[in-house]
N, C-alpha and C. Protein backbone atom coordinates (compact mmCIF):
# COMPACT_ATOMS: atom_id res chain seq x y z
N MET A 1 -10.96 165.94 233.30
CA MET A 1 -10.27 163.64 233.70
C MET A 1 -10.62 162.97 232.12
N GLU A 2 -12.02 163.15 231.80
CA GLU A 2 -12.35 162.71 230.75
C GLU A 2 -11.05 162.26 229.93
N THR A 3 -11.15 163.88 229.22
CA THR A 3 -9.80 163.46 228.54
C THR A 3 -9.07 161.54 228.29
N GLU A 4 -8.21 162.84 229.63
CA GLU A 4 -7.09 161.27 229.99
C GLU A 4 -7.87 160.15 230.06
N ALA A 5 -9.28 159.75 230.79
CA ALA A 5 -10.55 158.46 229.75
C ALA A 5 -9.59 158.04 228.79
N LEU A 6 -10.07 158.94 227.41
CA LEU A 6 -10.13 158.88 226.42
C LEU A 6 -9.22 158.31 225.96
N ILE A 7 -7.75 159.07 226.45
CA ILE A 7 -6.56 158.81 225.52
C ILE A 7 -6.85 157.00 226.13
N VAL A 8 -6.48 156.73 227.60
CA VAL A 8 -5.66 155.88 228.05
C VAL A 8 -7.09 154.79 227.23
N LYS A 9 -8.47 154.33 226.95
CA LYS A 9 -8.87 153.83 225.93
C LYS A 9 -8.40 153.54 224.79
N TYR A 10 -8.01 155.16 223.89
CA TYR A 10 -8.32 154.58 222.52
C TYR A 10 -6.69 153.56 222.51
N ILE A 11 -5.20 153.95 223.52
CA ILE A 11 -4.43 153.68 223.35
C ILE A 11 -3.62 152.05 223.92
N ASP A 12 -5.64 151.67 224.74
CA ASP A 12 -5.56 150.49 224.84
C ASP A 12 -6.16 150.10 223.02
N ILE A 13 -6.66 150.13 222.96
CA ILE A 13 -7.47 149.65 221.70
C ILE A 13 -5.88 149.43 221.03
N LEU A 14 -5.21 150.34 220.43
CA LEU A 14 -3.92 150.58 219.34
C LEU A 14 -3.67 149.68 220.07
N SER A 15 -2.97 149.69 221.29
CA SER A 15 -2.26 148.53 221.68
C SER A 15 -2.49 146.93 221.63
N LYS A 16 -3.68 146.91 221.26
CA LYS A 16 -3.78 145.26 221.42
C LYS A 16 -4.24 144.92 219.71
N SER A 17 -4.78 146.62 218.65
CA SER A 17 -4.25 146.43 217.60
C SER A 17 -3.23 145.90 216.96
N MET A 18 -2.16 146.69 217.21
CA MET A 18 -0.66 146.58 217.56
C MET A 18 -0.34 145.53 217.99
N ARG A 19 -1.37 144.48 218.65
CA ARG A 19 -0.14 143.17 219.00
C ARG A 19 -0.67 141.99 218.44
N GLN A 20 -2.24 142.26 217.73
CA GLN A 20 -2.83 141.66 216.90
C GLN A 20 -2.42 141.66 215.38
N SER A 21 -1.76 142.75 214.58
CA SER A 21 -1.22 142.80 214.10
C SER A 21 0.28 142.23 213.55
N MET A 22 0.76 142.57 214.79
CA MET A 22 2.21 141.98 214.95
C MET A 22 2.23 140.21 214.73
N ARG A 23 1.15 140.08 215.81
CA ARG A 23 1.31 138.67 215.35
C ARG A 23 0.82 138.11 213.91
N ASN A 24 -0.42 138.63 213.21
CA ASN A 24 -0.53 138.20 211.84
C ASN A 24 0.23 138.37 210.61
N TYR A 25 0.77 139.56 211.16
CA TYR A 25 2.31 139.73 210.47
C TYR A 25 3.39 138.39 210.53
N LYS A 26 3.59 138.22 211.47
CA LYS A 26 4.07 137.42 212.40
C LYS A 26 3.73 135.54 211.60
N GLU A 27 2.38 135.52 211.66
CA GLU A 27 1.91 133.88 211.19
C GLU A 27 1.96 134.30 209.56
N GLU A 28 1.96 135.22 208.70
CA GLU A 28 2.32 135.31 207.35
C GLU A 28 3.70 135.85 207.12
N SER A 29 4.64 135.59 207.71
CA SER A 29 5.96 135.15 207.48
C SER A 29 6.75 134.13 207.88
N ASP A 30 7.30 133.76 206.53
CA ASP A 30 8.43 132.59 206.57
C ASP A 30 8.86 132.14 207.79
N ARG A 31 9.38 132.96 208.68
CA ARG A 31 9.94 133.19 210.08
C ARG A 31 9.83 133.86 211.13
N GLY A 32 8.39 133.45 211.28
CA GLY A 32 7.44 133.79 212.85
C GLY A 32 7.90 133.16 213.24
N GLU A 33 8.39 132.04 213.29
CA GLU A 33 9.82 131.64 215.04
C GLU A 33 10.56 132.45 215.35
N LEU A 34 11.55 133.72 214.58
CA LEU A 34 12.01 134.08 215.09
C LEU A 34 11.72 135.05 216.76
N LEU A 35 9.85 134.98 215.86
CA LEU A 35 9.65 136.45 216.93
C LEU A 35 9.67 136.35 218.70
N ASN A 36 8.93 134.71 218.25
CA ASN A 36 9.09 133.91 220.13
C ASN A 36 10.08 134.69 221.09
N LEU A 37 10.64 134.78 221.10
CA LEU A 37 11.41 135.63 222.44
C LEU A 37 10.82 136.55 223.30
N THR A 38 11.19 135.88 224.11
CA THR A 38 10.50 137.94 225.60
C THR A 38 11.03 138.18 225.66
N ILE A 39 10.45 139.62 225.76
CA ILE A 39 10.71 140.83 225.83
C ILE A 39 11.79 140.98 226.98
N THR A 40 12.07 140.92 227.27
CA THR A 40 13.54 141.07 227.82
C THR A 40 14.29 140.86 226.82
N GLN A 41 14.50 139.78 226.08
CA GLN A 41 15.46 139.57 225.29
C GLN A 41 15.64 140.74 224.25
N LEU A 42 14.29 140.98 223.73
CA LEU A 42 14.08 141.50 222.42
C LEU A 42 14.13 143.16 222.77
N HIS A 43 14.56 143.44 223.88
CA HIS A 43 15.27 144.88 224.86
C HIS A 43 16.49 144.63 224.17
N TYR A 44 16.86 144.15 224.55
CA TYR A 44 18.27 143.29 224.78
C TYR A 44 19.06 143.65 223.33
N LEU A 45 18.43 142.97 222.60
CA LEU A 45 18.70 142.53 221.43
C LEU A 45 18.70 144.20 220.18
N HIS A 46 17.60 144.61 220.64
CA HIS A 46 17.19 146.83 220.28
C HIS A 46 18.51 146.91 221.23
N ALA A 47 19.28 146.68 222.11
CA ALA A 47 20.17 147.65 223.37
C ALA A 47 21.44 147.54 222.15
N ILE A 48 21.80 146.12 221.86
CA ILE A 48 23.52 144.95 221.27
C ILE A 48 23.35 146.18 219.81
N ASN A 49 22.39 146.55 219.14
CA ASN A 49 21.77 146.77 217.96
C ASN A 49 21.90 149.14 217.96
N GLU A 50 21.64 148.96 218.90
CA GLU A 50 22.14 151.08 219.23
C GLU A 50 23.59 151.23 219.88
N MET A 51 23.88 150.16 220.68
CA MET A 51 24.73 150.21 221.08
C MET A 51 25.68 149.90 220.42
N ASP A 52 25.78 149.96 219.12
CA ASP A 52 27.05 148.72 218.40
C ASP A 52 28.45 148.15 219.67
N ALA A 53 28.68 147.05 219.61
CA ALA A 53 29.22 146.18 219.83
C ALA A 53 30.14 146.74 221.41
N PRO A 54 28.70 146.68 221.70
CA PRO A 54 28.80 147.11 223.92
C PRO A 54 29.89 145.74 224.43
N THR A 55 29.87 145.89 225.41
CA THR A 55 30.29 145.15 226.31
C THR A 55 29.52 144.90 227.31
N PHE A 56 29.93 143.89 227.88
CA PHE A 56 29.37 143.07 229.18
C PHE A 56 28.90 144.28 230.30
N LYS A 57 29.44 144.62 230.37
CA LYS A 57 29.51 145.85 231.46
C LYS A 57 28.29 147.48 230.88
N GLN A 58 28.94 147.28 229.43
CA GLN A 58 27.96 148.32 229.23
C GLN A 58 26.90 148.09 229.33
N LEU A 59 26.33 146.70 228.88
CA LEU A 59 25.17 146.27 229.30
C LEU A 59 24.40 146.33 230.41
N VAL A 60 25.24 146.10 231.35
CA VAL A 60 24.83 146.37 232.93
C VAL A 60 24.21 147.42 233.27
N GLU A 61 25.47 148.59 232.71
CA GLU A 61 25.35 149.45 233.14
C GLU A 61 23.60 150.47 232.52
N LYS A 62 23.32 149.79 231.34
CA LYS A 62 21.97 150.26 230.92
C LYS A 62 21.15 149.83 231.01
N PHE A 63 21.18 148.35 231.55
CA PHE A 63 20.03 148.07 232.34
C PHE A 63 19.60 147.97 233.52
N ASN A 64 21.26 148.61 233.99
CA ASN A 64 21.17 148.31 235.73
C ASN A 64 20.54 147.84 237.07
N VAL A 65 21.48 146.22 235.87
CA VAL A 65 21.51 144.44 236.63
C VAL A 65 22.93 144.00 237.47
N GLN A 66 22.64 143.12 237.58
CA GLN A 66 23.94 142.06 237.77
C GLN A 66 24.35 141.77 236.25
N LYS A 67 25.74 141.32 236.58
CA LYS A 67 26.63 141.15 235.28
C LYS A 67 25.81 139.47 235.40
N SER A 68 25.24 139.48 236.04
CA SER A 68 25.11 137.55 235.64
C SER A 68 23.89 137.64 235.10
N THR A 69 22.97 138.22 235.33
CA THR A 69 22.13 138.31 234.25
C THR A 69 21.95 139.27 233.17
N VAL A 70 22.96 139.57 232.86
CA VAL A 70 23.80 140.20 230.80
C VAL A 70 23.83 138.19 230.55
N THR A 71 24.59 138.21 230.91
CA THR A 71 25.97 136.89 231.07
C THR A 71 24.21 135.61 230.87
N ASP A 72 23.74 135.89 231.23
CA ASP A 72 22.41 134.57 231.17
C ASP A 72 21.96 134.84 229.46
N ILE A 73 21.27 136.40 230.10
CA ILE A 73 19.97 136.52 228.54
C ILE A 73 21.36 136.32 227.51
N VAL A 74 22.29 137.01 227.50
CA VAL A 74 23.76 136.55 226.41
C VAL A 74 23.09 135.91 225.94
N ASN A 75 23.41 134.54 226.94
CA ASN A 75 23.50 133.35 226.47
C ASN A 75 22.34 132.64 225.84
N ARG A 76 21.38 133.12 226.19
CA ARG A 76 20.32 132.79 225.95
C ARG A 76 20.23 133.01 224.91
N LEU A 77 21.18 133.83 224.56
CA LEU A 77 20.57 135.26 222.25
C LEU A 77 21.87 133.68 221.87
N ILE A 78 22.79 133.71 222.11
CA ILE A 78 24.21 133.37 222.11
C ILE A 78 23.33 131.53 221.46
N LYS A 79 22.24 131.08 222.45
CA LYS A 79 21.81 129.36 222.12
C LYS A 79 21.26 129.19 220.66
N ARG A 80 20.34 131.04 220.52
CA ARG A 80 19.58 130.80 219.37
C ARG A 80 20.16 131.23 217.79
N ASN A 81 21.22 131.66 218.07
CA ASN A 81 22.15 132.41 216.89
C ASN A 81 21.52 133.29 216.82
N MET A 82 20.89 134.37 218.00
CA MET A 82 20.54 136.15 217.44
C MET A 82 21.65 136.86 217.67
N VAL A 83 23.21 136.32 219.18
CA VAL A 83 24.31 137.81 218.26
C VAL A 83 25.16 136.17 219.01
N TYR A 84 26.27 137.16 218.69
CA TYR A 84 26.85 136.13 219.30
C TYR A 84 28.58 137.53 220.12
N LYS A 85 29.36 136.39 220.61
CA LYS A 85 30.11 137.62 221.82
C LYS A 85 31.96 137.22 221.04
N GLN A 86 32.50 138.03 221.49
CA GLN A 86 34.08 138.32 219.99
C GLN A 86 35.06 139.20 221.89
N GLN A 87 35.63 138.45 221.88
CA GLN A 87 37.13 138.63 222.71
C GLN A 87 37.93 140.16 221.72
N SER A 88 37.61 141.04 223.12
CA SER A 88 38.33 142.41 222.83
C SER A 88 40.11 142.25 222.92
N GLU A 89 40.45 142.64 221.28
CA GLU A 89 41.75 142.82 220.67
C GLU A 89 42.51 143.54 221.75
N GLU A 90 41.94 144.65 222.60
CA GLU A 90 42.93 145.41 223.34
C GLU A 90 43.41 145.29 224.82
N ASP A 91 41.93 144.72 225.32
CA ASP A 91 41.66 143.65 226.65
C ASP A 91 41.11 142.02 226.36
N LEU A 92 41.93 141.62 226.68
CA LEU A 92 42.04 139.53 226.74
C LEU A 92 40.67 139.49 227.70
N ARG A 93 40.48 140.35 228.96
CA ARG A 93 39.09 140.50 229.68
C ARG A 93 37.89 140.77 229.00
N VAL A 94 38.02 142.12 228.00
CA VAL A 94 36.45 141.96 227.45
C VAL A 94 35.91 141.53 226.01
N PHE A 95 34.30 141.13 226.47
CA PHE A 95 33.89 140.59 225.40
C PHE A 95 32.93 142.20 224.41
N HIS A 96 32.82 141.45 223.38
CA HIS A 96 32.17 142.80 222.80
C HIS A 96 30.55 141.80 222.31
N VAL A 97 29.51 142.20 222.57
CA VAL A 97 28.47 141.52 221.74
C VAL A 97 28.13 142.30 220.75
N TYR A 98 27.45 141.44 219.52
CA TYR A 98 27.35 141.02 218.56
C TYR A 98 25.41 140.70 217.60
N LEU A 99 25.42 141.75 217.12
CA LEU A 99 23.84 141.32 216.12
C LEU A 99 24.34 139.84 215.46
N ALA A 100 24.46 138.46 215.18
CA ALA A 100 24.28 137.78 214.22
C ALA A 100 23.16 137.89 212.84
N GLU A 101 23.56 137.57 211.94
CA GLU A 101 22.30 137.92 211.44
C GLU A 101 20.72 137.83 211.52
N LYS A 102 20.78 136.69 212.85
CA LYS A 102 19.01 135.75 212.78
C LYS A 102 19.00 137.74 213.70
N GLY A 103 19.31 137.82 214.61
CA GLY A 103 19.32 138.65 215.39
C GLY A 103 19.43 140.18 214.44
N LYS A 104 19.68 140.45 213.19
CA LYS A 104 20.03 141.38 212.65
C LYS A 104 18.19 141.25 211.59
N GLU A 105 18.16 139.87 211.24
CA GLU A 105 16.41 139.82 210.28
C GLU A 105 15.43 140.43 210.99
N LEU A 106 15.79 139.43 212.87
CA LEU A 106 14.91 139.49 213.25
C LEU A 106 14.20 141.14 213.78
N LEU A 107 15.22 141.45 213.74
CA LEU A 107 14.76 143.68 214.75
C LEU A 107 14.38 144.31 212.72
N GLU A 108 14.38 144.04 211.82
CA GLU A 108 14.46 143.74 210.47
C GLU A 108 12.40 143.58 209.78
N MET A 109 12.37 141.89 210.12
CA MET A 109 11.06 141.65 210.05
C MET A 109 10.22 142.67 211.29
N GLU A 110 11.28 143.02 212.18
CA GLU A 110 9.77 143.87 213.69
C GLU A 110 9.86 144.99 212.98
N SER A 111 11.05 145.90 212.44
CA SER A 111 10.45 146.94 211.93
C SER A 111 9.38 147.30 210.36
N ARG A 112 9.75 145.29 210.39
CA ARG A 112 8.70 145.84 208.75
C ARG A 112 6.84 146.26 209.27
N GLY A 113 6.77 145.13 210.42
CA GLY A 113 5.40 145.09 210.79
C GLY A 113 4.80 146.23 211.52
N TYR A 114 6.03 146.62 212.14
CA TYR A 114 5.78 148.20 212.74
C TYR A 114 5.51 149.12 211.97
N PHE A 115 5.94 149.33 210.15
CA PHE A 115 5.88 149.59 209.26
C PHE A 115 3.64 149.39 208.76
N HIS A 116 4.38 148.35 209.03
CA HIS A 116 2.53 147.18 208.42
C HIS A 116 1.11 148.19 208.84
N PHE A 117 1.78 147.89 211.14
CA PHE A 117 0.74 148.60 211.52
C PHE A 117 0.64 149.99 211.32
N ALA A 118 1.61 150.64 211.46
CA ALA A 118 1.17 152.88 210.61
C ALA A 118 0.69 152.78 209.81
N HIS A 119 0.90 152.16 208.57
CA HIS A 119 -0.36 152.17 207.43
C HIS A 119 -1.76 151.88 208.07
N LYS A 120 -1.60 150.26 208.19
CA LYS A 120 -3.54 150.77 208.54
C LYS A 120 -3.96 151.88 208.73
N MET A 121 -2.95 151.82 210.65
CA MET A 121 -3.40 153.13 211.51
C MET A 121 -4.07 154.47 211.10
N THR A 122 -2.95 154.58 209.12
CA THR A 122 -2.95 156.21 209.26
C THR A 122 -3.71 155.93 207.80
N LYS A 123 -4.27 154.80 207.15
CA LYS A 123 -4.88 154.84 205.78
C LYS A 123 -6.48 155.50 205.66
N CYS A 124 -6.64 155.68 206.80
CA CYS A 124 -7.81 156.17 207.09
C CYS A 124 -7.59 158.00 207.40
N LEU A 125 -6.62 157.96 207.38
CA LEU A 125 -6.07 159.96 207.46
C LEU A 125 -6.00 160.68 206.36
N ALA A 126 -6.04 161.34 205.76
CA ALA A 126 -6.48 162.24 204.78
C ALA A 126 -4.18 162.85 205.06
N ASP A 127 -3.85 163.76 203.98
CA ASP A 127 -1.96 163.29 204.03
C ASP A 127 -2.14 164.96 205.12
N GLU A 128 -2.46 165.57 205.30
CA GLU A 128 -2.44 166.98 206.06
C GLU A 128 -3.15 166.33 207.31
N GLU A 129 -3.36 164.99 208.08
CA GLU A 129 -4.14 165.14 208.94
C GLU A 129 -2.85 164.11 209.36
N LYS A 130 -2.51 162.70 208.38
CA LYS A 130 -1.10 162.77 208.70
C LYS A 130 0.15 163.36 209.54
N LYS A 131 0.43 164.27 208.84
CA LYS A 131 1.02 165.11 208.86
C LYS A 131 0.73 165.95 210.43
N GLN A 132 -0.58 166.41 210.68
CA GLN A 132 -0.64 167.08 211.73
C GLN A 132 -0.39 165.90 212.72
N PHE A 133 -1.13 164.34 213.19
CA PHE A 133 -0.89 163.36 213.90
C PHE A 133 0.70 163.13 214.13
N THR A 134 1.35 163.30 212.98
CA THR A 134 3.26 162.54 213.08
C THR A 134 3.87 163.70 214.12
N ASP A 135 3.39 165.32 213.46
CA ASP A 135 3.48 166.03 214.47
C ASP A 135 3.41 166.05 216.00
N VAL A 136 2.10 166.26 216.17
CA VAL A 136 1.63 165.84 217.58
C VAL A 136 2.60 164.57 218.25
N LEU A 137 2.40 163.41 217.56
CA LEU A 137 2.97 162.62 218.15
C LEU A 137 4.24 162.71 218.77
N LYS A 138 5.04 163.94 217.49
CA LYS A 138 6.54 163.94 218.40
C LYS A 138 7.24 165.04 219.12
N LYS A 139 5.93 165.55 219.18
CA LYS A 139 5.45 166.72 220.70
C LYS A 139 5.37 165.55 221.50
N ILE A 140 4.93 164.50 221.96
CA ILE A 140 5.04 163.90 222.94
C ILE A 140 6.45 163.40 223.04
N VAL A 141 6.58 162.97 222.15
CA VAL A 141 7.78 161.52 222.79
C VAL A 141 8.69 163.07 223.14
N THR A 142 8.49 163.97 222.55
CA THR A 142 9.81 165.11 222.76
C THR A 142 10.06 165.29 224.13
N GLU A 143 9.00 165.82 224.85
CA GLU A 143 8.30 166.04 226.31
C GLU A 143 8.29 164.68 226.72
N PHE A 144 8.71 163.53 226.66
CA PHE A 144 9.79 162.15 227.32
C PHE A 144 10.10 162.50 227.61
N ASN A 145 11.50 162.73 226.45
CA ASN A 145 12.65 162.22 226.47
C ASN A 145 13.08 163.56 227.06
N LYS A 146 12.96 164.72 227.70
CA LYS A 146 12.95 165.55 228.19
C LYS A 146 13.98 165.40 229.44
């Protein structure tokens, strides 16, 4: 049990450090207001990006929520110019959701922030230690995705 307690402790420390690093990165950026989204809105942006122009129905299925919930969140993102919807040419009842430039910019900025944190986290490691750390993380992620 001591090992798990230490893991929890270190994950907590890393989580706090990552949040602080992301806040600092946001403040240093000229576009810091882009990150003022709810975690749910951010999840939707990632899903829209990964799913490549999903329909509202596909988002309902992905998040296992009511269509009204998806509609509300997508409409909020539309108001913030993060996404836009476009009617399907094949079926006029269907709308696809796309990332707008501002949404793409936010995801890119978030990615740069994560790279900044990863560099900060691993700068104390030698190259071989970085490889070992990466291998361990890959093993953990593989187990989670089974």
